N, C-alpha and C. Protein backbone atom coordinates (compact mmCIF):
# COMPACT_ATOMS: atom_id res chain seq x y z
N MET A 1 -4.57 43.40 -3.50
CA MET A 1 -3.62 42.98 -2.72
C MET A 1 -2.18 43.96 -2.50
N THR A 2 -1.76 44.40 -1.64
CA THR A 2 -0.60 44.93 -1.66
C THR A 2 0.57 44.01 -1.72
N ASP A 3 1.83 44.65 -2.06
CA ASP A 3 3.07 43.69 -2.24
C ASP A 3 3.12 43.11 -0.86
N LEU A 4 3.12 43.97 -0.03
CA LEU A 4 3.71 43.65 1.39
C LEU A 4 2.54 42.37 1.66
N HIS A 5 1.25 42.21 1.55
CA HIS A 5 0.31 41.57 1.91
C HIS A 5 0.62 40.00 1.24
N LEU A 6 0.96 40.03 -0.24
CA LEU A 6 1.48 38.90 -1.07
C LEU A 6 2.60 38.23 -0.54
N GLN A 7 3.57 39.05 0.02
CA GLN A 7 4.78 38.81 0.41
C GLN A 7 4.64 38.04 1.85
N ARG A 8 3.89 38.40 2.91
CA ARG A 8 3.31 37.75 3.86
C ARG A 8 2.69 36.69 3.50
N GLY A 9 1.61 36.59 2.48
CA GLY A 9 1.00 35.53 2.14
C GLY A 9 2.18 34.38 1.72
N LEU A 10 2.67 34.54 0.92
CA LEU A 10 3.93 33.66 0.20
C LEU A 10 4.74 33.18 1.38
N ALA A 11 5.10 34.23 2.55
CA ALA A 11 6.15 33.48 3.53
C ALA A 11 5.47 32.70 4.40
N ALA A 12 4.11 33.00 4.84
CA ALA A 12 3.20 31.93 5.61
C ALA A 12 2.86 30.55 5.02
N GLU A 13 2.87 30.64 3.35
CA GLU A 13 2.76 29.03 2.85
C GLU A 13 3.97 28.42 3.06
N GLN A 14 5.24 29.20 2.74
CA GLN A 14 6.35 28.59 2.81
C GLN A 14 6.53 27.90 4.26
N LEU A 15 6.13 28.57 5.34
CA LEU A 15 6.47 28.43 6.74
C LEU A 15 5.55 27.14 6.89
N ALA A 16 4.18 27.16 6.32
CA ALA A 16 3.41 26.16 6.59
C ALA A 16 4.09 24.78 6.08
N ALA A 17 4.32 24.87 4.66
CA ALA A 17 5.11 23.80 4.03
C ALA A 17 5.83 23.05 4.70
N GLU A 18 6.61 23.93 5.58
CA GLU A 18 8.39 23.59 5.95
C GLU A 18 7.58 22.74 7.41
N TYR A 19 6.39 23.52 8.08
CA TYR A 19 5.88 22.78 9.02
C TYR A 19 5.38 21.53 8.96
N LEU A 20 4.59 21.31 7.89
CA LEU A 20 3.99 19.89 7.37
C LEU A 20 4.96 18.84 7.02
N GLN A 21 6.17 19.28 6.43
CA GLN A 21 7.02 18.13 6.04
C GLN A 21 7.72 18.16 7.26
N ALA A 22 8.03 18.79 8.02
CA ALA A 22 8.57 18.16 9.28
C ALA A 22 8.26 17.32 10.14
N ARG A 23 6.73 17.13 9.88
CA ARG A 23 5.52 16.25 10.46
C ARG A 23 5.39 15.21 9.62
N GLY A 24 6.22 14.98 8.48
CA GLY A 24 6.06 13.51 7.68
C GLY A 24 4.99 13.93 6.60
N ILE A 25 4.30 15.19 6.48
CA ILE A 25 3.62 15.48 5.11
C ILE A 25 4.31 15.76 3.98
N LYS A 26 4.13 14.86 3.02
CA LYS A 26 4.61 15.11 1.69
C LYS A 26 3.77 16.23 1.13
N ILE A 27 4.67 17.43 0.49
CA ILE A 27 4.07 18.54 -0.26
C ILE A 27 4.07 18.12 -1.86
N LEU A 28 3.06 18.11 -2.19
CA LEU A 28 2.84 17.55 -3.97
C LEU A 28 2.86 18.87 -4.82
N ALA A 29 2.03 20.10 -4.32
CA ALA A 29 1.99 20.88 -5.02
C ALA A 29 1.74 22.34 -4.41
N ARG A 30 2.00 23.47 -4.77
CA ARG A 30 1.34 24.92 -3.95
C ARG A 30 0.85 25.68 -4.99
N ASN A 31 0.20 26.36 -4.57
CA ASN A 31 -0.78 27.51 -5.28
C ASN A 31 -1.45 27.01 -6.65
N LEU A 32 -1.80 26.04 -6.59
CA LEU A 32 -2.85 25.36 -7.83
C LEU A 32 -3.99 26.12 -8.15
N ARG A 33 -3.88 27.18 -9.35
CA ARG A 33 -5.05 27.93 -9.39
C ARG A 33 -5.83 27.40 -10.51
N TYR A 34 -7.17 27.41 -10.04
CA TYR A 34 -8.30 26.91 -11.18
C TYR A 34 -9.39 28.06 -11.30
N PRO A 35 -10.21 28.23 -12.39
CA PRO A 35 -11.11 28.89 -12.61
C PRO A 35 -12.04 28.92 -11.23
N GLY A 36 -12.02 29.96 -10.72
CA GLY A 36 -12.75 30.17 -9.22
C GLY A 36 -12.31 29.95 -8.20
N GLY A 37 -11.09 29.71 -8.03
CA GLY A 37 -10.17 29.53 -6.80
C GLY A 37 -9.12 28.90 -7.01
N GLU A 38 -8.26 28.94 -6.00
CA GLU A 38 -6.63 28.42 -5.55
C GLU A 38 -6.77 27.44 -4.42
N LEU A 39 -5.73 26.36 -4.68
CA LEU A 39 -5.65 25.70 -3.34
C LEU A 39 -4.20 25.95 -3.08
N ASP A 40 -4.07 26.40 -1.80
CA ASP A 40 -2.60 26.61 -0.97
C ASP A 40 -1.77 25.54 -1.43
N LEU A 41 -2.08 24.44 -0.68
CA LEU A 41 -1.18 23.14 -0.54
C LEU A 41 -1.84 22.10 -0.76
N LEU A 42 -1.16 21.18 -1.75
CA LEU A 42 -1.76 19.69 -2.22
C LEU A 42 -0.81 19.08 -1.55
N CYS A 43 -1.33 18.02 -0.47
CA CYS A 43 -0.39 17.21 0.31
C CYS A 43 -0.85 15.54 0.32
N LEU A 44 0.08 14.95 0.65
CA LEU A 44 -0.14 13.41 0.93
C LEU A 44 0.29 13.03 2.55
N ASP A 45 -0.73 12.63 3.28
CA ASP A 45 -0.61 11.84 4.36
C ASP A 45 -1.11 10.78 4.59
N SER A 46 0.22 9.74 4.68
CA SER A 46 -0.24 7.98 4.54
C SER A 46 -1.30 7.74 4.17
N GLY A 47 -1.27 8.16 2.37
CA GLY A 47 -2.39 7.75 1.79
C GLY A 47 -3.27 8.43 1.46
N VAL A 48 -3.44 9.61 2.30
CA VAL A 48 -4.88 10.72 2.31
C VAL A 48 -4.27 12.00 1.57
N LEU A 49 -4.98 12.22 0.48
CA LEU A 49 -4.63 13.19 -0.32
C LEU A 49 -5.36 14.53 0.79
N VAL A 50 -4.44 15.55 1.27
CA VAL A 50 -4.90 16.36 2.06
C VAL A 50 -4.59 17.92 1.15
N ILE A 51 -5.78 18.46 1.07
CA ILE A 51 -6.15 20.23 0.67
C ILE A 51 -5.93 21.07 2.22
N VAL A 52 -4.67 21.95 1.99
CA VAL A 52 -4.32 22.72 3.33
C VAL A 52 -4.73 24.32 2.63
N GLU A 53 -5.40 24.70 3.49
CA GLU A 53 -5.57 26.11 3.52
C GLU A 53 -4.79 26.85 4.24
N VAL A 54 -3.77 27.69 3.77
CA VAL A 54 -3.19 28.69 4.62
C VAL A 54 -3.42 29.88 5.15
N ARG A 55 -3.76 30.36 6.18
CA ARG A 55 -4.18 31.60 6.65
C ARG A 55 -3.35 32.45 7.74
N GLN A 56 -2.99 33.53 7.27
CA GLN A 56 -1.88 34.16 7.91
C GLN A 56 -2.83 35.39 8.46
N ARG A 57 -2.59 36.04 9.89
CA ARG A 57 -2.95 37.17 10.37
C ARG A 57 -1.92 37.72 11.26
N GLU A 58 -1.94 39.19 11.42
CA GLU A 58 -0.83 39.68 12.10
C GLU A 58 -1.15 39.06 13.54
N ARG A 59 -2.37 39.64 13.97
CA ARG A 59 -2.83 39.69 15.37
C ARG A 59 -4.33 38.66 15.50
N ALA A 60 -4.67 38.23 16.37
CA ALA A 60 -5.37 37.42 16.75
C ALA A 60 -7.18 38.08 16.98
N ASP A 61 -7.05 39.34 16.37
CA ASP A 61 -8.49 39.99 16.24
C ASP A 61 -9.35 39.38 15.71
N PHE A 62 -10.56 39.43 15.94
CA PHE A 62 -11.60 38.76 15.42
C PHE A 62 -11.62 37.47 15.21
N GLY A 63 -10.70 36.55 16.16
CA GLY A 63 -10.62 35.31 16.12
C GLY A 63 -9.66 34.72 15.26
N GLY A 64 -8.83 35.78 14.79
CA GLY A 64 -7.43 35.39 14.61
C GLY A 64 -7.56 34.49 12.87
N ALA A 65 -6.46 33.90 12.56
CA ALA A 65 -6.34 33.13 11.52
C ALA A 65 -7.30 32.12 11.01
N LEU A 66 -7.29 31.29 11.77
CA LEU A 66 -8.38 30.20 11.76
C LEU A 66 -9.83 30.43 11.61
N ALA A 67 -9.84 31.80 12.17
CA ALA A 67 -11.61 32.00 12.33
C ALA A 67 -11.72 32.89 10.69
N SER A 68 -10.72 32.80 10.01
CA SER A 68 -11.03 33.86 8.63
C SER A 68 -11.54 32.69 7.57
N VAL A 69 -11.35 31.37 8.11
CA VAL A 69 -11.92 30.30 6.96
C VAL A 69 -13.63 30.33 7.27
N THR A 70 -13.92 31.15 6.52
CA THR A 70 -15.68 31.49 6.36
C THR A 70 -16.40 30.08 5.68
N PRO A 71 -17.52 30.08 6.01
CA PRO A 71 -18.34 28.80 5.27
C PRO A 71 -18.17 29.22 4.02
N ALA A 72 -18.45 30.41 3.39
CA ALA A 72 -17.96 30.92 1.99
C ALA A 72 -16.74 30.25 1.30
N LYS A 73 -15.66 30.60 2.27
CA LYS A 73 -14.46 30.60 1.87
C LYS A 73 -14.13 28.88 1.83
N ARG A 74 -14.94 28.25 2.78
CA ARG A 74 -14.61 26.36 2.52
C ARG A 74 -15.50 26.09 1.26
N ARG A 75 -16.79 26.70 1.15
CA ARG A 75 -17.31 26.30 0.10
C ARG A 75 -16.57 26.19 -1.43
N LYS A 76 -15.83 27.48 -1.27
CA LYS A 76 -14.95 28.02 -2.58
C LYS A 76 -13.96 26.76 -2.72
N ILE A 77 -13.21 26.52 -1.56
CA ILE A 77 -12.23 25.45 -1.49
C ILE A 77 -12.70 24.02 -2.13
N ILE A 78 -13.83 23.82 -1.70
CA ILE A 78 -14.53 22.31 -1.93
C ILE A 78 -14.56 22.32 -3.39
N ARG A 79 -15.33 23.58 -3.81
CA ARG A 79 -15.70 23.73 -5.32
C ARG A 79 -14.32 23.36 -6.22
N THR A 80 -13.32 24.21 -5.74
CA THR A 80 -11.95 24.21 -6.57
C THR A 80 -11.39 22.83 -6.37
N THR A 81 -11.57 22.02 -5.34
CA THR A 81 -11.10 20.79 -5.24
C THR A 81 -11.89 19.78 -5.98
N GLN A 82 -12.96 20.26 -6.16
CA GLN A 82 -13.91 19.30 -7.18
C GLN A 82 -13.07 19.46 -8.65
N TYR A 83 -13.06 20.94 -8.84
CA TYR A 83 -12.56 21.23 -10.28
C TYR A 83 -11.21 20.38 -10.34
N PHE A 84 -10.29 20.41 -9.12
CA PHE A 84 -9.02 19.86 -9.62
C PHE A 84 -9.17 18.28 -9.75
N LEU A 85 -9.95 17.74 -8.84
CA LEU A 85 -10.01 16.16 -9.03
C LEU A 85 -10.94 15.74 -10.53
N GLN A 86 -11.84 16.75 -11.17
CA GLN A 86 -12.20 16.35 -12.12
C GLN A 86 -10.99 16.61 -13.47
N ARG A 87 -10.15 17.29 -13.14
CA ARG A 87 -9.22 17.08 -14.20
C ARG A 87 -8.01 16.27 -13.99
N GLU A 88 -7.66 16.19 -12.51
CA GLU A 88 -6.58 15.10 -12.26
C GLU A 88 -7.00 14.05 -11.93
N LYS A 89 -7.41 13.07 -12.64
CA LYS A 89 -8.09 11.91 -12.27
C LYS A 89 -7.51 11.03 -11.53
N ARG A 90 -5.93 10.68 -11.30
CA ARG A 90 -5.36 9.92 -10.82
C ARG A 90 -5.40 10.13 -9.20
N TRP A 91 -5.90 11.23 -8.66
CA TRP A 91 -6.15 11.30 -7.33
C TRP A 91 -7.49 10.99 -6.81
N ARG A 92 -8.27 10.99 -7.92
CA ARG A 92 -10.18 10.51 -7.36
C ARG A 92 -9.94 9.44 -6.44
N HIS A 93 -9.25 8.12 -6.38
CA HIS A 93 -9.25 7.05 -5.61
C HIS A 93 -8.85 7.42 -4.20
N PHE A 94 -8.34 8.57 -4.02
CA PHE A 94 -7.85 8.69 -2.40
C PHE A 94 -8.74 9.13 -1.80
N SER A 95 -8.53 8.93 -0.52
CA SER A 95 -9.50 9.54 0.60
C SER A 95 -8.94 11.12 0.60
N LEU A 96 -9.95 11.75 1.12
CA LEU A 96 -9.62 13.47 0.74
C LEU A 96 -9.80 14.02 2.41
N ARG A 97 -9.05 14.97 2.55
CA ARG A 97 -9.10 15.44 3.85
C ARG A 97 -8.69 17.15 3.99
N PHE A 98 -9.78 18.15 4.20
CA PHE A 98 -9.54 19.39 4.19
C PHE A 98 -8.82 19.87 5.74
N ASP A 99 -7.46 20.47 5.76
CA ASP A 99 -6.81 21.12 6.75
C ASP A 99 -7.00 22.42 6.66
N VAL A 100 -6.85 23.20 7.84
CA VAL A 100 -6.41 24.57 7.75
C VAL A 100 -5.20 24.63 8.69
N LEU A 101 -4.16 25.21 8.20
CA LEU A 101 -2.93 26.06 9.24
C LEU A 101 -3.05 27.39 9.24
N GLY A 102 -3.18 27.74 10.31
CA GLY A 102 -3.02 29.42 10.72
C GLY A 102 -1.72 29.57 11.26
N VAL A 103 -1.39 30.62 10.68
CA VAL A 103 -0.13 31.60 11.22
C VAL A 103 -0.72 32.84 11.83
N GLU A 104 -0.19 33.05 12.95
CA GLU A 104 -0.73 34.52 13.79
C GLU A 104 0.38 34.92 14.00
N GLY A 105 0.82 36.23 13.88
CA GLY A 105 2.05 36.89 14.02
C GLY A 105 2.89 37.08 12.58
N LEU A 106 3.79 37.36 12.44
CA LEU A 106 4.62 37.67 11.17
C LEU A 106 5.45 36.36 10.92
N PRO A 107 5.22 35.63 9.70
CA PRO A 107 5.78 34.47 9.52
C PRO A 107 7.38 34.59 9.48
N ASP A 108 8.15 35.94 9.17
CA ASP A 108 9.43 35.88 9.39
C ASP A 108 9.94 36.43 10.87
N GLY A 109 8.98 36.47 11.73
CA GLY A 109 9.30 36.85 12.99
C GLY A 109 8.43 36.22 13.91
N ALA A 110 8.12 36.72 15.34
CA ALA A 110 7.40 36.00 16.31
C ALA A 110 6.18 35.48 15.89
N HIS A 111 5.90 34.23 15.70
CA HIS A 111 4.45 33.73 14.98
C HIS A 111 4.14 32.29 16.31
N ARG A 112 2.98 32.01 15.70
CA ARG A 112 2.34 30.55 16.33
C ARG A 112 1.51 30.12 15.10
N VAL A 113 1.70 28.76 15.03
CA VAL A 113 1.51 28.08 14.07
C VAL A 113 0.21 27.14 14.66
N GLU A 114 -0.91 26.93 14.18
CA GLU A 114 -2.17 26.12 14.58
C GLU A 114 -2.62 25.47 13.24
N TRP A 115 -2.42 23.90 13.41
CA TRP A 115 -2.90 23.12 12.25
C TRP A 115 -4.12 22.43 12.88
N VAL A 116 -5.27 22.51 11.98
CA VAL A 116 -6.39 21.84 12.53
C VAL A 116 -6.57 20.76 11.25
N LYS A 117 -6.38 19.45 11.42
CA LYS A 117 -6.75 18.39 10.73
C LYS A 117 -8.11 18.14 10.71
N GLY A 118 -8.73 18.04 9.20
CA GLY A 118 -10.19 17.65 8.98
C GLY A 118 -11.01 18.92 9.60
N ALA A 119 -10.35 19.95 9.00
CA ALA A 119 -11.16 21.47 9.50
C ALA A 119 -12.69 21.16 9.19
N PHE A 120 -12.92 20.70 8.19
CA PHE A 120 -13.94 20.84 7.37
C PHE A 120 -14.36 19.46 6.30
N ARG A 121 -15.66 19.23 5.89
CA ARG A 121 -15.72 18.14 4.80
C ARG A 121 -16.39 18.81 3.62
N ALA A 122 -16.32 18.36 2.50
CA ALA A 122 -17.24 18.61 1.54
C ALA A 122 -18.36 17.50 1.73
N THR A 123 -19.53 18.36 1.23
CA THR A 123 -20.67 17.70 1.70
C THR A 123 -21.53 17.73 0.40
């Protein structure tokens, strides 16, 4: 990953966190890394534990940011969440939701944010 790509990803995650906070979502943690994956944002929304995958694309070609969350990516997020819940037992009793927040355009310039609540489910 290039430095520019990493910087844009971090800027998109910051933008996503601010966007969600402005809508009453509490950010609990960012960039939780576990074997096999990373959880971008761990949030709390009215007693629901929310795992937010943040995707950033400069252009909407090939379906844009939201379409970049493939079935394989969803499985990886679910596996990483399961690992997280095994280690962090205090969160096990919460209802769980998987959201995707897409940023199209540059996070520090003209951009569009699209938030999909309940974008997928753990099966």
